[in-house]
N, C-alpha and C. Protein backbone atom coordinates (compact mmCIF):
# COMPACT_ATOMS: atom_id res chain seq x y z
N MET A 1 67.31 -22.76 84.81
CA MET A 1 65.90 -22.98 84.62
C MET A 1 65.43 -22.40 83.29
N LYS A 2 65.94 -21.19 82.95
CA LYS A 2 65.55 -20.56 81.69
C LYS A 2 66.03 -21.40 80.51
N LYS A 3 67.26 -22.01 80.64
CA LYS A 3 67.79 -22.86 79.57
C LYS A 3 66.88 -24.08 79.37
N GLU A 4 66.46 -24.67 80.47
CA GLU A 4 65.62 -25.86 80.39
C GLU A 4 64.29 -25.54 79.71
N ILE A 5 63.72 -24.40 80.07
CA ILE A 5 62.45 -23.98 79.46
C ILE A 5 62.66 -23.72 77.97
N ALA A 6 63.78 -23.08 77.64
CA ALA A 6 64.08 -22.80 76.23
C ALA A 6 64.23 -24.10 75.45
N PHE A 7 64.99 -25.07 76.00
CA PHE A 7 65.17 -26.36 75.33
C PHE A 7 63.83 -27.10 75.21
N LEU A 8 63.04 -27.03 76.25
CA LEU A 8 61.73 -27.67 76.23
C LEU A 8 60.85 -27.04 75.15
N ALA A 9 60.87 -25.71 75.07
CA ALA A 9 60.06 -25.01 74.06
C ALA A 9 60.53 -25.38 72.66
N ILE A 10 61.84 -25.47 72.46
CA ILE A 10 62.39 -25.86 71.15
C ILE A 10 61.97 -27.29 70.82
N GLY A 11 62.06 -28.17 71.80
CA GLY A 11 61.67 -29.57 71.60
C GLY A 11 60.20 -29.71 71.25
N VAL A 12 59.35 -28.98 71.95
CA VAL A 12 57.91 -29.02 71.68
C VAL A 12 57.64 -28.47 70.28
N ALA A 13 58.29 -27.35 69.95
CA ALA A 13 58.09 -26.75 68.62
C ALA A 13 58.54 -27.73 67.52
N PHE A 14 59.68 -28.37 67.74
CA PHE A 14 60.19 -29.36 66.77
C PHE A 14 59.19 -30.51 66.62
N ALA A 15 58.71 -31.03 67.75
CA ALA A 15 57.76 -32.16 67.72
C ALA A 15 56.47 -31.76 67.01
N LEU A 16 55.97 -30.56 67.30
CA LEU A 16 54.75 -30.09 66.64
C LEU A 16 54.96 -29.91 65.14
N GLY A 17 56.11 -29.38 64.79
CA GLY A 17 56.43 -29.21 63.37
C GLY A 17 56.50 -30.54 62.65
N PHE A 18 57.16 -31.51 63.28
CA PHE A 18 57.28 -32.84 62.69
C PHE A 18 55.90 -33.48 62.55
N LEU A 19 55.10 -33.38 63.60
CA LEU A 19 53.76 -33.96 63.59
C LEU A 19 52.90 -33.30 62.52
N SER A 20 52.96 -31.98 62.43
CA SER A 20 52.18 -31.26 61.42
C SER A 20 52.58 -31.68 60.02
N GLY A 21 53.88 -31.79 59.80
CA GLY A 21 54.38 -32.21 58.49
C GLY A 21 53.91 -33.61 58.14
N SER A 22 53.94 -34.50 59.13
CA SER A 22 53.48 -35.87 58.90
C SER A 22 52.00 -35.91 58.55
N ILE A 23 51.21 -35.15 59.28
CA ILE A 23 49.77 -35.12 59.02
C ILE A 23 49.50 -34.58 57.63
N VAL A 24 50.17 -33.49 57.27
CA VAL A 24 49.97 -32.90 55.94
C VAL A 24 50.35 -33.91 54.86
N SER A 25 51.45 -34.61 55.06
CA SER A 25 51.90 -35.61 54.08
C SER A 25 50.87 -36.72 53.91
N VAL A 26 50.35 -37.24 55.01
CA VAL A 26 49.34 -38.30 54.96
C VAL A 26 48.08 -37.79 54.27
N LEU A 27 47.65 -36.58 54.61
CA LEU A 27 46.45 -36.02 54.00
C LEU A 27 46.63 -35.82 52.51
N LYS A 28 47.81 -35.36 52.09
CA LYS A 28 48.07 -35.18 50.67
C LYS A 28 48.02 -36.51 49.93
N ARG A 29 48.61 -37.55 50.52
CA ARG A 29 48.56 -38.88 49.89
C ARG A 29 47.13 -39.37 49.79
N ALA A 30 46.35 -39.21 50.86
CA ALA A 30 44.96 -39.65 50.86
C ALA A 30 44.17 -38.86 49.82
N LYS A 31 44.43 -37.56 49.75
CA LYS A 31 43.75 -36.71 48.77
C LYS A 31 44.13 -37.15 47.36
N GLY A 32 45.38 -37.53 47.16
CA GLY A 32 45.83 -38.01 45.85
C GLY A 32 45.13 -39.28 45.45
N ILE A 33 44.96 -40.21 46.39
CA ILE A 33 44.25 -41.46 46.10
C ILE A 33 42.80 -41.15 45.78
N GLU A 34 42.18 -40.29 46.60
CA GLU A 34 40.79 -39.92 46.37
C GLU A 34 40.64 -39.27 45.01
N ARG A 35 41.55 -38.35 44.70
CA ARG A 35 41.47 -37.66 43.41
C ARG A 35 41.63 -38.62 42.25
N SER A 36 42.57 -39.56 42.37
CA SER A 36 42.76 -40.49 41.27
C SER A 36 41.53 -41.36 41.06
N MET A 37 40.86 -41.76 42.14
CA MET A 37 39.64 -42.55 42.00
C MET A 37 38.52 -41.70 41.43
N THR A 38 38.42 -40.45 41.87
CA THR A 38 37.40 -39.56 41.34
C THR A 38 37.65 -39.31 39.86
N ASP A 39 38.91 -39.11 39.49
CA ASP A 39 39.25 -38.93 38.09
C ASP A 39 38.85 -40.16 37.29
N LEU A 40 39.12 -41.33 37.84
CA LEU A 40 38.78 -42.58 37.18
C LEU A 40 37.28 -42.64 36.91
N MET A 41 36.49 -42.17 37.88
CA MET A 41 35.04 -42.25 37.75
C MET A 41 34.48 -41.20 36.82
N THR A 42 35.06 -40.03 36.80
CA THR A 42 34.42 -38.93 36.10
C THR A 42 34.95 -38.75 34.68
N GLN A 43 36.08 -39.27 34.39
CA GLN A 43 36.65 -39.05 33.07
C GLN A 43 36.36 -40.23 32.16
N ARG A 44 36.10 -39.91 30.96
CA ARG A 44 35.96 -40.94 29.96
C ARG A 44 37.37 -41.43 29.63
N PRO A 45 37.48 -42.58 28.98
CA PRO A 45 38.82 -43.06 28.63
C PRO A 45 39.58 -41.99 27.85
N VAL A 46 40.84 -41.85 28.13
CA VAL A 46 41.65 -40.81 27.51
C VAL A 46 42.46 -41.42 26.37
N ALA A 47 42.32 -40.85 25.20
CA ALA A 47 43.08 -41.34 24.05
C ALA A 47 44.56 -41.08 24.28
N LYS A 48 45.38 -42.03 23.86
CA LYS A 48 46.82 -41.90 24.05
C LYS A 48 47.37 -40.77 23.19
N GLU A 49 46.96 -40.72 21.95
CA GLU A 49 47.42 -39.74 20.97
C GLU A 49 46.62 -39.98 19.71
N PRO A 50 46.77 -39.16 18.69
CA PRO A 50 46.06 -39.46 17.44
C PRO A 50 46.50 -40.83 16.90
N ILE A 51 45.59 -41.48 16.20
CA ILE A 51 45.90 -42.80 15.65
C ILE A 51 47.02 -42.65 14.62
N SER A 52 48.07 -43.41 14.81
CA SER A 52 49.24 -43.33 13.93
C SER A 52 48.96 -44.05 12.61
N ILE A 53 49.83 -43.80 11.65
CA ILE A 53 49.72 -44.47 10.35
C ILE A 53 49.86 -45.97 10.53
N GLU A 54 50.78 -46.38 11.40
CA GLU A 54 50.98 -47.81 11.65
C GLU A 54 49.72 -48.45 12.22
N LEU A 55 49.08 -47.74 13.13
CA LEU A 55 47.87 -48.27 13.74
C LEU A 55 46.72 -48.28 12.73
N MET A 56 46.65 -47.28 11.88
CA MET A 56 45.64 -47.28 10.82
C MET A 56 45.84 -48.48 9.90
N GLU A 57 47.10 -48.80 9.63
CA GLU A 57 47.38 -49.99 8.81
C GLU A 57 46.93 -51.26 9.53
N LYS A 58 47.14 -51.31 10.84
CA LYS A 58 46.70 -52.46 11.64
C LYS A 58 45.17 -52.58 11.60
N ILE A 59 44.49 -51.45 11.70
CA ILE A 59 43.02 -51.45 11.61
C ILE A 59 42.58 -51.99 10.26
N GLU A 60 43.23 -51.55 9.20
CA GLU A 60 42.88 -52.05 7.86
C GLU A 60 43.15 -53.54 7.73
N GLU A 61 44.25 -54.01 8.32
CA GLU A 61 44.53 -55.46 8.31
C GLU A 61 43.43 -56.23 9.03
N LEU A 62 43.01 -55.71 10.18
CA LEU A 62 41.95 -56.37 10.94
C LEU A 62 40.63 -56.37 10.15
N LYS A 63 40.33 -55.26 9.49
CA LYS A 63 39.11 -55.19 8.69
C LYS A 63 39.17 -56.19 7.53
N GLU A 64 40.34 -56.32 6.93
CA GLU A 64 40.51 -57.30 5.85
C GLU A 64 40.30 -58.72 6.37
N THR A 65 40.87 -58.99 7.53
CA THR A 65 40.68 -60.30 8.16
C THR A 65 39.20 -60.55 8.39
N LEU A 66 38.48 -59.53 8.83
CA LEU A 66 37.05 -59.68 9.13
C LEU A 66 36.20 -59.79 7.87
N ARG A 67 36.65 -59.21 6.76
CA ARG A 67 35.93 -59.41 5.50
C ARG A 67 36.02 -60.88 5.07
N GLU A 68 37.21 -61.46 5.31
CA GLU A 68 37.42 -62.87 4.96
C GLU A 68 36.78 -63.82 5.98
N ASP A 69 36.77 -63.41 7.25
CA ASP A 69 36.26 -64.26 8.33
C ASP A 69 35.46 -63.40 9.31
N PRO A 70 34.20 -63.12 8.99
CA PRO A 70 33.40 -62.21 9.82
C PRO A 70 33.14 -62.71 11.25
N LYS A 71 33.41 -63.95 11.52
CA LYS A 71 33.19 -64.51 12.87
C LYS A 71 34.49 -64.62 13.66
N ASN A 72 35.52 -63.91 13.24
CA ASN A 72 36.82 -63.97 13.90
C ASN A 72 36.77 -63.12 15.18
N LEU A 73 36.52 -63.78 16.30
CA LEU A 73 36.35 -63.10 17.57
C LEU A 73 37.60 -62.30 17.96
N ALA A 74 38.77 -62.89 17.79
CA ALA A 74 40.01 -62.21 18.18
C ALA A 74 40.21 -60.91 17.39
N ALA A 75 39.89 -60.92 16.11
CA ALA A 75 40.05 -59.72 15.28
C ALA A 75 39.04 -58.65 15.70
N TRP A 76 37.79 -59.04 15.95
CA TRP A 76 36.79 -58.06 16.42
C TRP A 76 37.22 -57.45 17.75
N LEU A 77 37.72 -58.30 18.65
CA LEU A 77 38.13 -57.81 19.96
C LEU A 77 39.31 -56.85 19.85
N LYS A 78 40.29 -57.20 19.04
CA LYS A 78 41.46 -56.32 18.85
C LYS A 78 41.02 -54.98 18.26
N LEU A 79 40.13 -55.04 17.28
CA LEU A 79 39.63 -53.81 16.66
C LEU A 79 38.88 -52.97 17.69
N GLY A 80 38.02 -53.61 18.48
CA GLY A 80 37.29 -52.89 19.52
C GLY A 80 38.22 -52.25 20.53
N ASP A 81 39.26 -52.98 20.92
CA ASP A 81 40.20 -52.45 21.91
C ASP A 81 40.99 -51.26 21.37
N ILE A 82 41.33 -51.30 20.09
CA ILE A 82 42.02 -50.14 19.50
C ILE A 82 41.10 -48.93 19.55
N TYR A 83 39.87 -49.11 19.10
CA TYR A 83 38.91 -48.00 19.13
C TYR A 83 38.64 -47.53 20.55
N PHE A 84 38.57 -48.46 21.49
CA PHE A 84 38.38 -48.12 22.91
C PHE A 84 39.49 -47.19 23.38
N ASP A 85 40.73 -47.56 23.09
CA ASP A 85 41.88 -46.78 23.54
C ASP A 85 41.91 -45.37 22.97
N TYR A 86 41.27 -45.18 21.82
CA TYR A 86 41.30 -43.88 21.16
C TYR A 86 39.95 -43.16 21.18
N ASN A 87 39.07 -43.58 22.11
CA ASN A 87 37.76 -42.93 22.28
C ASN A 87 36.94 -42.87 21.00
N ARG A 88 37.06 -43.87 20.20
CA ARG A 88 36.23 -43.98 19.00
C ARG A 88 35.00 -44.79 19.41
N TYR A 89 34.10 -44.12 20.14
CA TYR A 89 32.99 -44.79 20.82
C TYR A 89 32.14 -45.65 19.89
N ARG A 90 31.65 -45.06 18.83
CA ARG A 90 30.74 -45.80 17.93
C ARG A 90 31.42 -47.02 17.33
N GLU A 91 32.65 -46.84 16.87
CA GLU A 91 33.37 -47.96 16.27
C GLU A 91 33.64 -49.06 17.30
N ALA A 92 34.01 -48.65 18.51
CA ALA A 92 34.26 -49.64 19.57
C ALA A 92 32.98 -50.39 19.92
N ILE A 93 31.87 -49.67 20.03
CA ILE A 93 30.59 -50.30 20.34
C ILE A 93 30.23 -51.32 19.26
N GLU A 94 30.41 -50.94 18.01
CA GLU A 94 30.10 -51.86 16.90
C GLU A 94 30.99 -53.11 16.97
N ALA A 95 32.27 -52.93 17.19
CA ALA A 95 33.19 -54.08 17.26
C ALA A 95 32.83 -54.97 18.46
N TYR A 96 32.57 -54.38 19.61
CA TYR A 96 32.21 -55.18 20.78
C TYR A 96 30.85 -55.86 20.59
N SER A 97 29.93 -55.21 19.90
CA SER A 97 28.64 -55.84 19.61
C SER A 97 28.83 -57.07 18.73
N GLN A 98 29.74 -56.97 17.77
CA GLN A 98 30.05 -58.13 16.92
C GLN A 98 30.66 -59.25 17.76
N CYS A 99 31.54 -58.88 18.69
CA CYS A 99 32.12 -59.88 19.60
C CYS A 99 31.03 -60.60 20.36
N LEU A 100 30.09 -59.82 20.88
CA LEU A 100 29.03 -60.40 21.71
C LEU A 100 28.04 -61.23 20.89
N SER A 101 27.93 -60.92 19.61
CA SER A 101 27.06 -61.76 18.77
C SER A 101 27.71 -63.13 18.55
N ILE A 102 29.03 -63.19 18.63
CA ILE A 102 29.76 -64.45 18.49
C ILE A 102 29.85 -65.16 19.84
N LYS A 103 30.15 -64.39 20.89
CA LYS A 103 30.31 -64.97 22.23
C LYS A 103 29.65 -64.06 23.26
N PRO A 104 28.34 -64.25 23.49
CA PRO A 104 27.62 -63.34 24.40
C PRO A 104 28.01 -63.47 25.87
N GLU A 105 28.71 -64.52 26.23
CA GLU A 105 29.03 -64.75 27.65
C GLU A 105 30.39 -64.18 28.05
N ASN A 106 30.74 -63.02 27.58
CA ASN A 106 32.03 -62.44 27.92
C ASN A 106 31.83 -61.17 28.75
N SER A 107 32.14 -61.25 30.04
CA SER A 107 31.88 -60.14 30.96
C SER A 107 32.74 -58.92 30.66
N ASP A 108 33.99 -59.12 30.29
CA ASP A 108 34.88 -57.98 30.04
C ASP A 108 34.45 -57.21 28.79
N ILE A 109 34.06 -57.94 27.74
CA ILE A 109 33.61 -57.27 26.52
C ILE A 109 32.33 -56.49 26.80
N ARG A 110 31.42 -57.08 27.55
CA ARG A 110 30.17 -56.38 27.90
C ARG A 110 30.47 -55.10 28.68
N THR A 111 31.41 -55.19 29.61
CA THR A 111 31.75 -54.02 30.43
C THR A 111 32.41 -52.94 29.57
N LYS A 112 33.30 -53.34 28.68
CA LYS A 112 33.93 -52.36 27.78
C LYS A 112 32.88 -51.69 26.90
N ARG A 113 31.95 -52.49 26.42
CA ARG A 113 30.87 -51.92 25.60
C ARG A 113 30.06 -50.92 26.42
N GLY A 114 29.79 -51.24 27.68
CA GLY A 114 29.08 -50.31 28.56
C GLY A 114 29.85 -49.02 28.77
N ILE A 115 31.16 -49.13 28.93
CA ILE A 115 32.00 -47.93 29.11
C ILE A 115 31.94 -47.05 27.86
N MET A 116 31.94 -47.66 26.70
CA MET A 116 31.85 -46.89 25.46
C MET A 116 30.47 -46.26 25.29
N LEU A 117 29.43 -46.97 25.70
CA LEU A 117 28.08 -46.38 25.67
C LEU A 117 28.02 -45.17 26.60
N ARG A 118 28.64 -45.28 27.76
CA ARG A 118 28.71 -44.15 28.69
C ARG A 118 29.45 -42.98 28.05
N GLY A 119 30.57 -43.28 27.40
CA GLY A 119 31.35 -42.23 26.74
C GLY A 119 30.57 -41.53 25.64
N LEU A 120 29.70 -42.29 24.98
CA LEU A 120 28.88 -41.74 23.90
C LEU A 120 27.71 -40.92 24.45
N GLY A 121 27.43 -41.09 25.75
CA GLY A 121 26.32 -40.36 26.37
C GLY A 121 25.05 -41.19 26.45
N ASP A 122 25.12 -42.46 26.07
CA ASP A 122 23.96 -43.36 26.17
C ASP A 122 23.99 -44.01 27.56
N PHE A 123 23.61 -43.23 28.56
CA PHE A 123 23.72 -43.68 29.95
C PHE A 123 22.78 -44.85 30.25
N ASP A 124 21.56 -44.80 29.70
CA ASP A 124 20.62 -45.89 29.94
C ASP A 124 21.12 -47.19 29.30
N GLY A 125 21.69 -47.07 28.11
CA GLY A 125 22.26 -48.25 27.45
C GLY A 125 23.42 -48.82 28.25
N ALA A 126 24.25 -47.93 28.80
CA ALA A 126 25.39 -48.37 29.62
C ALA A 126 24.90 -49.06 30.89
N ILE A 127 23.89 -48.48 31.54
CA ILE A 127 23.32 -49.09 32.75
C ILE A 127 22.81 -50.49 32.43
N GLU A 128 22.09 -50.59 31.33
CA GLU A 128 21.56 -51.90 30.93
C GLU A 128 22.69 -52.92 30.73
N GLU A 129 23.77 -52.47 30.08
CA GLU A 129 24.90 -53.38 29.83
C GLU A 129 25.58 -53.79 31.13
N PHE A 130 25.81 -52.84 32.03
CA PHE A 130 26.46 -53.16 33.30
C PHE A 130 25.58 -54.09 34.14
N ARG A 131 24.28 -53.82 34.14
CA ARG A 131 23.37 -54.68 34.91
C ARG A 131 23.31 -56.09 34.33
N LYS A 132 23.25 -56.16 33.02
CA LYS A 132 23.21 -57.47 32.37
C LYS A 132 24.47 -58.25 32.70
N THR A 133 25.61 -57.57 32.67
CA THR A 133 26.88 -58.23 33.00
C THR A 133 26.86 -58.73 34.44
N SER A 134 26.38 -57.89 35.36
CA SER A 134 26.32 -58.29 36.77
C SER A 134 25.39 -59.47 36.99
N GLN A 135 24.30 -59.51 36.24
CA GLN A 135 23.36 -60.63 36.37
C GLN A 135 23.95 -61.92 35.79
N MET A 136 24.58 -61.78 34.63
CA MET A 136 25.15 -62.97 33.97
C MET A 136 26.38 -63.49 34.72
N PHE A 137 27.12 -62.55 35.31
CA PHE A 137 28.38 -62.89 35.97
C PHE A 137 28.39 -62.26 37.36
N PRO A 138 27.74 -62.88 38.32
CA PRO A 138 27.59 -62.27 39.65
C PRO A 138 28.91 -61.93 40.34
N GLN A 139 30.01 -62.53 39.95
CA GLN A 139 31.30 -62.24 40.58
C GLN A 139 32.12 -61.19 39.82
N HIS A 140 31.53 -60.56 38.81
CA HIS A 140 32.27 -59.57 38.02
C HIS A 140 32.23 -58.22 38.71
N ALA A 141 33.35 -57.82 39.27
CA ALA A 141 33.41 -56.59 40.08
C ALA A 141 33.40 -55.32 39.23
N GLU A 142 34.09 -55.34 38.11
CA GLU A 142 34.26 -54.11 37.31
C GLU A 142 32.93 -53.55 36.84
N SER A 143 32.01 -54.41 36.41
CA SER A 143 30.72 -53.92 35.93
C SER A 143 29.95 -53.24 37.07
N ARG A 144 30.08 -53.77 38.27
CA ARG A 144 29.39 -53.17 39.43
C ARG A 144 30.02 -51.82 39.79
N PHE A 145 31.35 -51.74 39.72
CA PHE A 145 32.02 -50.47 39.99
C PHE A 145 31.60 -49.41 38.97
N GLU A 146 31.65 -49.78 37.69
CA GLU A 146 31.28 -48.84 36.63
C GLU A 146 29.82 -48.39 36.76
N LEU A 147 28.95 -49.31 37.16
CA LEU A 147 27.54 -48.96 37.35
C LEU A 147 27.39 -47.92 38.45
N GLY A 148 28.09 -48.11 39.56
CA GLY A 148 28.04 -47.14 40.65
C GLY A 148 28.55 -45.78 40.22
N ALA A 149 29.65 -45.77 39.48
CA ALA A 149 30.22 -44.51 39.00
C ALA A 149 29.26 -43.79 38.07
N LEU A 150 28.63 -44.53 37.19
CA LEU A 150 27.68 -43.92 36.26
C LEU A 150 26.47 -43.35 37.00
N PHE A 151 25.93 -44.12 37.95
CA PHE A 151 24.79 -43.62 38.72
C PHE A 151 25.15 -42.31 39.43
N LEU A 152 26.33 -42.28 40.02
CA LEU A 152 26.70 -41.10 40.79
C LEU A 152 27.00 -39.91 39.89
N ARG A 153 27.84 -40.10 38.89
CA ARG A 153 28.31 -38.96 38.10
C ARG A 153 27.35 -38.50 37.01
N GLU A 154 26.80 -39.45 36.27
CA GLU A 154 25.95 -39.04 35.15
C GLU A 154 24.47 -38.93 35.54
N LYS A 155 23.99 -39.86 36.34
CA LYS A 155 22.57 -39.87 36.69
C LYS A 155 22.26 -39.10 37.97
N LYS A 156 23.28 -38.77 38.74
CA LYS A 156 23.10 -38.06 40.03
C LYS A 156 22.16 -38.86 40.94
N ASP A 157 22.26 -40.17 40.88
CA ASP A 157 21.41 -41.09 41.64
C ASP A 157 22.24 -41.70 42.76
N VAL A 158 22.19 -41.06 43.93
CA VAL A 158 23.00 -41.50 45.07
C VAL A 158 22.60 -42.90 45.52
N ASN A 159 21.31 -43.17 45.59
CA ASN A 159 20.85 -44.49 46.02
C ASN A 159 21.31 -45.59 45.05
N GLY A 160 21.22 -45.29 43.76
CA GLY A 160 21.69 -46.25 42.76
C GLY A 160 23.18 -46.52 42.89
N ALA A 161 23.96 -45.46 43.14
CA ALA A 161 25.41 -45.61 43.30
C ALA A 161 25.73 -46.45 44.53
N ILE A 162 25.06 -46.14 45.64
CA ILE A 162 25.30 -46.89 46.87
C ILE A 162 24.98 -48.37 46.67
N ALA A 163 23.84 -48.67 46.05
CA ALA A 163 23.44 -50.06 45.83
C ALA A 163 24.44 -50.79 44.94
N ALA A 164 24.86 -50.14 43.86
CA ALA A 164 25.82 -50.78 42.95
C ALA A 164 27.15 -51.03 43.65
N TRP A 165 27.61 -50.04 44.42
CA TRP A 165 28.90 -50.19 45.09
C TRP A 165 28.84 -51.16 46.25
N GLU A 166 27.69 -51.28 46.90
CA GLU A 166 27.57 -52.31 47.94
C GLU A 166 27.66 -53.69 47.30
N GLY A 167 27.08 -53.83 46.11
CA GLY A 167 27.23 -55.07 45.35
C GLY A 167 28.68 -55.32 44.97
N TYR A 168 29.37 -54.25 44.59
CA TYR A 168 30.80 -54.36 44.27
C TYR A 168 31.59 -54.88 45.48
N LEU A 169 31.30 -54.34 46.66
CA LEU A 169 32.04 -54.73 47.86
C LEU A 169 31.77 -56.19 48.25
N GLN A 170 30.61 -56.71 47.90
CA GLN A 170 30.33 -58.13 48.16
C GLN A 170 31.22 -59.02 47.30
N VAL A 171 31.54 -58.53 46.11
CA VAL A 171 32.36 -59.31 45.17
C VAL A 171 33.85 -59.10 45.42
N GLU A 172 34.25 -57.87 45.71
CA GLU A 172 35.67 -57.54 45.84
C GLU A 172 35.88 -56.71 47.11
N PRO A 173 35.84 -57.33 48.29
CA PRO A 173 35.87 -56.56 49.54
C PRO A 173 37.25 -56.12 50.00
N LYS A 174 38.33 -56.63 49.42
CA LYS A 174 39.65 -56.36 50.01
C LYS A 174 40.63 -55.62 49.12
N SER A 175 40.21 -55.15 47.97
CA SER A 175 41.14 -54.46 47.08
C SER A 175 41.39 -53.03 47.56
N LYS A 176 42.37 -52.36 46.97
CA LYS A 176 42.62 -50.95 47.29
C LYS A 176 41.41 -50.11 46.90
N ARG A 177 40.83 -50.44 45.77
CA ARG A 177 39.67 -49.69 45.31
C ARG A 177 38.49 -49.90 46.26
N ALA A 178 38.40 -51.10 46.87
CA ALA A 178 37.31 -51.39 47.80
C ALA A 178 37.35 -50.43 49.00
N SER A 179 38.54 -50.11 49.47
CA SER A 179 38.66 -49.16 50.59
C SER A 179 38.09 -47.81 50.20
N TRP A 180 38.41 -47.37 49.00
CA TRP A 180 37.89 -46.09 48.52
C TRP A 180 36.38 -46.15 48.38
N VAL A 181 35.87 -47.25 47.80
CA VAL A 181 34.43 -47.41 47.60
C VAL A 181 33.70 -47.38 48.94
N ARG A 182 34.24 -48.08 49.92
CA ARG A 182 33.64 -48.11 51.26
C ARG A 182 33.54 -46.68 51.82
N ALA A 183 34.61 -45.93 51.69
CA ALA A 183 34.62 -44.55 52.19
C ALA A 183 33.63 -43.68 51.42
N GLU A 184 33.55 -43.90 50.12
CA GLU A 184 32.62 -43.12 49.30
C GLU A 184 31.17 -43.43 49.66
N ILE A 185 30.88 -44.69 49.92
CA ILE A 185 29.52 -45.06 50.36
C ILE A 185 29.18 -44.36 51.67
N GLU A 186 30.12 -44.37 52.61
CA GLU A 186 29.88 -43.70 53.90
C GLU A 186 29.65 -42.20 53.69
N ARG A 187 30.43 -41.60 52.81
CA ARG A 187 30.27 -40.17 52.52
C ARG A 187 28.89 -39.90 51.92
N LEU A 188 28.47 -40.75 50.98
CA LEU A 188 27.17 -40.55 50.35
C LEU A 188 26.04 -40.75 51.35
N LYS A 189 26.16 -41.73 52.22
CA LYS A 189 25.12 -41.96 53.22
C LYS A 189 25.03 -40.78 54.20
N ALA A 190 26.19 -40.26 54.60
CA ALA A 190 26.20 -39.09 55.49
C ALA A 190 25.59 -37.88 54.80
N MET A 191 25.87 -37.72 53.54
CA MET A 191 25.33 -36.61 52.77
C MET A 191 23.80 -36.72 52.68
N LYS A 192 23.31 -37.96 52.49
CA LYS A 192 21.86 -38.18 52.43
C LYS A 192 21.21 -37.82 53.76
N GLU A 193 21.84 -38.21 54.87
CA GLU A 193 21.28 -37.93 56.20
C GLU A 193 21.17 -36.43 56.44
N VAL A 194 22.16 -35.68 56.00
CA VAL A 194 22.14 -34.23 56.19
C VAL A 194 20.98 -33.61 55.40
N LYS A 195 20.74 -34.13 54.19
CA LYS A 195 19.67 -33.59 53.36
C LYS A 195 18.30 -33.93 53.92
N GLU A 196 18.19 -35.08 54.58
CA GLU A 196 16.89 -35.52 55.12
C GLU A 196 16.68 -34.85 56.44
């Protein structure tokens, strides 16, 4: 009888240990996903490294192309994207503005311009750009996501974030990011209820 109890106790301890380990592992993975999404929302674009000599030469080539052909959309876009990648906010905004003067109906360029305005600290300008993109392109999910992130992190506007992200979920309800957004909306709503 004592052996059976001992084996039973060992089995229960093993099962509890396994279960605890599994729960901790799942929670760590969930926390990692949450952290990566929070990092995505709170951090400005991260420069890869200082601009290399080769890339500076590419920038000069693009500028030369634009001196010869100021309406070259591809060159403006490439220049804007280089500046975007290296957090050169003002230069990226200028390049994307030139793109939009040539082709104002581009949702991705508008959203990138909004992200750079946010990076520069022009939150109202970024909000305007994200809203304009959402109005012009009702199915554009990224602008709605960025708008929610900006409302929450920079403006501390929970209602604005919830509204923007609910709009995002209408456009993109099944992505991995949508699951996180749904959970974040629920968290924000619960937080509001506690305060009220």
